């Protein structure tokens, strides 16, 4: 567009120069002529031509300014887009730079989770053992209580047995002491009845 404008300006300049030169040459060569009636239409075509070309140049300049404004807006939008993409690339580069550290942290966390999983399994096993020990201790306590109750029952029965034994010993002693007397007084029936009644008592 600017090339066309430049070529048009050059053509206008050349035409003006050639017109002036032709007028100058003709004026030098022309001889005196008697004045004629002035031609008021002289140069009208040339003026119309220049006006037409000037209008074209003016319109072209307007179009160029409008197109230049559109191009400027497009360039501004492109600048914003490129700047945004540049910032995005910088952030991406930063993220990529921290990626190895992130991978190492993830690996460390994975190992920590594995260790924690093993620790949880150990705790579960210990809890199972603790539960078994608790059950065993409870069973042992029950057995101990039963042994204590059995010992108490055995002691009670032994005490009763000792009491019964003492009673038997007393009875045996009484029989050994009083049996000869009973035998001696046997012919006497009233005495025998008396001693039998005492034995029942």
Protein backbone atom coordinates (compact mmCIF):
# COMPACT_ATOMS: atom_id res chain seq x y z
CA UNK A 1 0.00 0.00 0.00
CA UNK A 2 2.83 2.39 0.85
CA UNK A 3 4.58 1.37 -2.36
CA UNK A 4 1.51 2.30 -4.38
CA UNK A 5 1.31 5.63 -2.57
CA UNK A 6 4.96 6.34 -3.28
CA UNK A 7 4.59 5.46 -6.95
CA UNK A 8 1.54 7.68 -7.25
CA UNK A 9 3.37 10.58 -5.63
CA UNK A 10 6.30 10.09 -8.00
CA UNK A 11 3.96 9.99 -11.00
CA UNK A 12 2.23 13.18 -9.84
CA UNK A 13 5.59 14.88 -9.31
CA UNK A 14 6.82 13.82 -12.74
CA UNK A 15 3.62 15.00 -14.40
CA UNK A 16 3.81 18.37 -12.63
CA UNK A 17 7.49 18.74 -13.55
CA UNK A 18 6.88 17.85 -17.18
CA UNK A 19 3.94 20.26 -17.34
CA UNK A 20 6.02 23.08 -15.90
CA UNK A 21 8.89 22.31 -18.26
CA UNK A 22 6.57 22.27 -21.27
CA UNK A 23 5.03 25.54 -20.19
CA UNK A 24 8.49 27.10 -19.73
CA UNK A 25 9.78 25.85 -23.09
CA UNK A 26 6.68 26.95 -24.89
CA UNK A 27 6.81 30.35 -23.25
CA UNK A 28 10.40 30.87 -24.37
CA UNK A 29 9.72 29.79 -27.91
CA UNK A 30 6.42 31.53 -28.26
CA UNK A 31 6.38 34.74 -30.16
CA UNK A 32 4.31 37.61 -29.31
CA UNK A 33 0.74 36.99 -30.16
CA UNK A 34 -2.03 39.37 -29.97
CA UNK A 35 -4.03 39.00 -26.80
CA UNK A 36 -6.97 36.79 -27.17
CA UNK A 37 -10.01 36.20 -25.09
CA UNK A 38 -8.88 34.49 -21.84
CA UNK A 39 -9.69 30.79 -21.54
CA UNK A 40 -11.10 30.36 -18.09
CA UNK A 41 -11.22 26.58 -18.48
CA UNK A 42 -7.47 26.33 -18.91
CA UNK A 43 -5.94 23.92 -16.38
CA UNK A 44 -9.32 22.67 -15.21
CA UNK A 45 -8.57 19.14 -16.30
CA UNK A 46 -5.17 19.23 -14.62
CA UNK A 47 -6.70 20.64 -11.46
CA UNK A 48 -9.40 17.98 -11.56
CA UNK A 49 -6.75 15.34 -12.00
CA UNK A 50 -4.75 16.63 -9.04
CA UNK A 51 -7.87 16.91 -6.91
CA UNK A 52 -8.87 13.36 -7.80
CA UNK A 53 -5.42 12.04 -6.99
CA UNK A 54 -5.35 14.03 -3.76
CA UNK A 55 -8.73 12.59 -2.77
CA UNK A 56 -7.44 9.12 -3.53
CA UNK A 57 -4.32 9.80 -1.48
CA UNK A 58 -6.42 11.18 1.37
CA UNK A 59 -8.76 8.18 1.31
CA UNK A 60 -5.80 5.83 1.13
CA UNK A 61 -4.23 7.61 4.09
CA UNK A 62 -7.49 7.18 6.03
CA UNK A 63 -7.63 3.51 5.12
CA UNK A 64 -3.99 3.11 6.07
CA UNK A 65 -4.60 4.78 9.43
CA UNK A 66 -7.61 2.53 10.07
CA UNK A 67 -5.71 -0.58 9.04
CA UNK A 68 -2.74 0.57 11.12
CA UNK A 69 -5.01 0.90 14.15
CA UNK A 70 -6.36 -2.61 13.56
CA UNK A 71 -2.82 -3.93 13.18
CA UNK A 72 -1.77 -2.11 16.36
CA UNK A 73 -4.64 -3.71 18.26
CA UNK A 74 -3.74 -7.10 16.86
CA UNK A 75 -0.11 -6.56 17.83
CA UNK A 76 -1.16 -5.52 21.35
CA UNK A 77 -3.31 -8.65 21.66
CA UNK A 78 -0.47 -10.77 20.35
CA UNK A 79 1.91 -9.12 22.82
CA UNK A 80 -0.45 -9.93 25.69
CA UNK A 81 -0.83 -13.50 24.44
CA UNK A 82 2.91 -13.93 24.04
CA UNK A 83 3.54 -12.42 27.48
CA UNK A 84 0.98 -14.76 29.03
CA UNK A 85 2.53 -17.74 27.24
CA UNK A 86 5.96 -16.59 28.40
CA UNK A 87 4.76 -16.41 32.01
CA UNK A 88 3.15 -19.83 31.64
CA UNK A 89 6.39 -21.24 30.27
CA UNK A 90 8.34 -19.71 33.16
CA UNK A 91 5.94 -21.27 35.65
CA UNK A 92 6.18 -24.57 33.78
CA UNK A 93 9.97 -24.40 33.89
CA UNK A 94 9.81 -23.67 37.61
CA UNK A 95 7.51 -26.65 38.14
CA UNK A 96 9.75 -28.86 36.02
CA UNK A 97 12.75 -27.68 38.03
CA UNK A 98 11.04 -28.72 41.26
CA UNK A 99 9.81 -32.00 39.77
CA UNK A 100 12.87 -34.08 40.86
CA UNK A 101 12.50 -32.81 44.41
CA UNK A 102 8.79 -33.66 44.29
CA UNK A 103 9.55 -37.15 43.01
CA UNK A 104 12.10 -37.63 45.80
CA UNK A 105 9.57 -36.43 48.37
CA UNK A 106 6.96 -38.83 46.96
CA UNK A 107 9.49 -41.68 47.15
CA UNK A 108 10.28 -40.75 50.76
CA UNK A 109 6.57 -40.58 51.60
CA UNK A 110 6.07 -43.98 49.96
CA UNK A 111 8.82 -45.49 52.11
CA UNK A 112 7.33 -43.79 55.17
CA UNK A 113 3.92 -45.27 54.35
CA UNK A 114 5.46 -48.71 53.95
CA UNK A 115 7.19 -48.37 57.32
CA UNK A 116 3.95 -47.15 58.85
CA UNK A 117 2.10 -50.10 57.33
CA UNK A 118 4.62 -52.50 58.83
CA UNK A 119 4.34 -50.70 62.16
CA UNK A 120 0.54 -51.00 62.03
CA UNK A 121 0.86 -54.71 61.30
CA UNK A 122 3.23 -55.10 64.25
CA UNK A 123 0.83 -53.18 66.48
CA UNK A 124 -2.06 -55.38 65.30
CA UNK A 125 -0.03 -58.51 66.06
CA UNK A 126 0.92 -57.11 69.47
CA UNK A 127 -2.73 -56.30 70.14
CA UNK A 128 -3.69 -59.85 69.22
CA UNK A 129 -0.99 -61.17 71.55
CA UNK A 130 -2.16 -58.78 74.25
CA UNK A 131 -5.73 -59.97 73.79
CA UNK A 132 -4.56 -63.58 74.02
CA UNK A 133 -2.54 -62.76 77.13
CA UNK A 134 -5.54 -60.97 78.60
CA UNK A 135 -7.75 -63.99 77.92
CA UNK A 136 -5.11 -66.29 79.37
CA UNK A 137 -4.77 -64.06 82.42
CA UNK A 138 -8.53 -63.97 82.84
CA UNK A 139 -8.65 -67.76 82.54
CA UNK A 140 -5.80 -68.07 85.02
CA UNK A 141 -7.66 -65.74 87.39
CA UNK A 142 -10.79 -67.84 87.08
CA UNK A 143 -8.78 -71.00 87.71
CA UNK A 144 -7.11 -69.35 90.70
CA UNK A 145 -10.48 -68.29 92.08
CA UNK A 146 -11.78 -71.81 91.57
CA UNK A 147 -8.69 -73.19 93.33
CA UNK A 148 -9.25 -70.75 96.20
CA UNK A 149 -12.90 -71.74 96.39
CA UNK A 150 -11.91 -75.40 96.25
CA UNK A 151 -9.30 -74.86 98.96
CA UNK A 152 -11.86 -73.06 101.11
CA UNK A 153 -14.36 -75.85 100.51
CA UNK A 154 -11.71 -78.43 101.30
CA UNK A 155 -10.76 -76.56 104.47
CA UNK A 156 -14.39 -76.34 105.48
CA UNK A 157 -14.92 -80.04 104.87
CA UNK A 158 -11.70 -80.86 106.73
CA UNK A 159 -12.91 -78.77 109.64
CA UNK A 160 -16.23 -80.60 109.56
CA UNK A 161 -14.35 -83.88 109.33
CA UNK A 162 -12.20 -82.93 112.29
CA UNK A 163 -15.31 -82.01 114.22
CA UNK A 164 -16.92 -85.31 113.27
CA UNK A 165 -13.71 -87.12 114.14
CA UNK A 166 -13.65 -85.45 117.54
CA UNK A 167 -17.24 -86.43 118.09
CA UNK A 168 -16.47 -90.02 117.10
CA UNK A 169 -13.48 -90.07 119.40
CA UNK A 170 -15.64 -88.81 122.22
CA UNK A 171 -18.26 -91.44 121.49
CA UNK A 172 -15.65 -94.17 121.28
CA UNK A 173 -14.19 -92.96 124.56
CA UNK A 174 -17.60 -92.94 126.14
CA UNK A 175 -18.35 -96.44 124.86
CA UNK A 176 -15.03 -97.74 126.05
CA UNK A 177 -15.59 -96.20 129.46
CA UNK A 178 -19.24 -96.88 129.96
CA UNK A 179 -19.65 -100.15 128.06
CA UNK A 180 -18.19 -102.30 130.85
CA UNK A 181 -20.48 -100.60 133.31
CA UNK A 182 -23.45 -101.33 131.08
CA UNK A 183 -22.42 -104.92 130.85
CA UNK A 184 -21.98 -105.09 134.60
CA UNK A 185 -25.40 -103.70 135.32
CA UNK A 186 -27.13 -105.66 132.58
CA UNK A 187 -29.02 -108.03 134.89
CA UNK A 188 -30.75 -105.09 136.37
CA UNK A 189 -33.35 -104.21 133.83
CA UNK A 190 -34.26 -100.85 135.26
CA UNK A 191 -30.62 -99.86 135.22
CA UNK A 192 -30.25 -101.18 131.68
CA UNK A 193 -33.19 -99.12 130.56
CA UNK A 194 -31.70 -96.14 132.28
CA UNK A 195 -28.38 -96.48 130.52
CA UNK A 196 -30.02 -97.09 127.18
CA UNK A 197 -31.99 -93.90 127.64
CA UNK A 198 -28.83 -92.05 128.49
CA UNK A 199 -27.17 -93.46 125.37
CA UNK A 200 -30.02 -92.15 123.26
CA UNK A 201 -29.58 -88.76 124.79
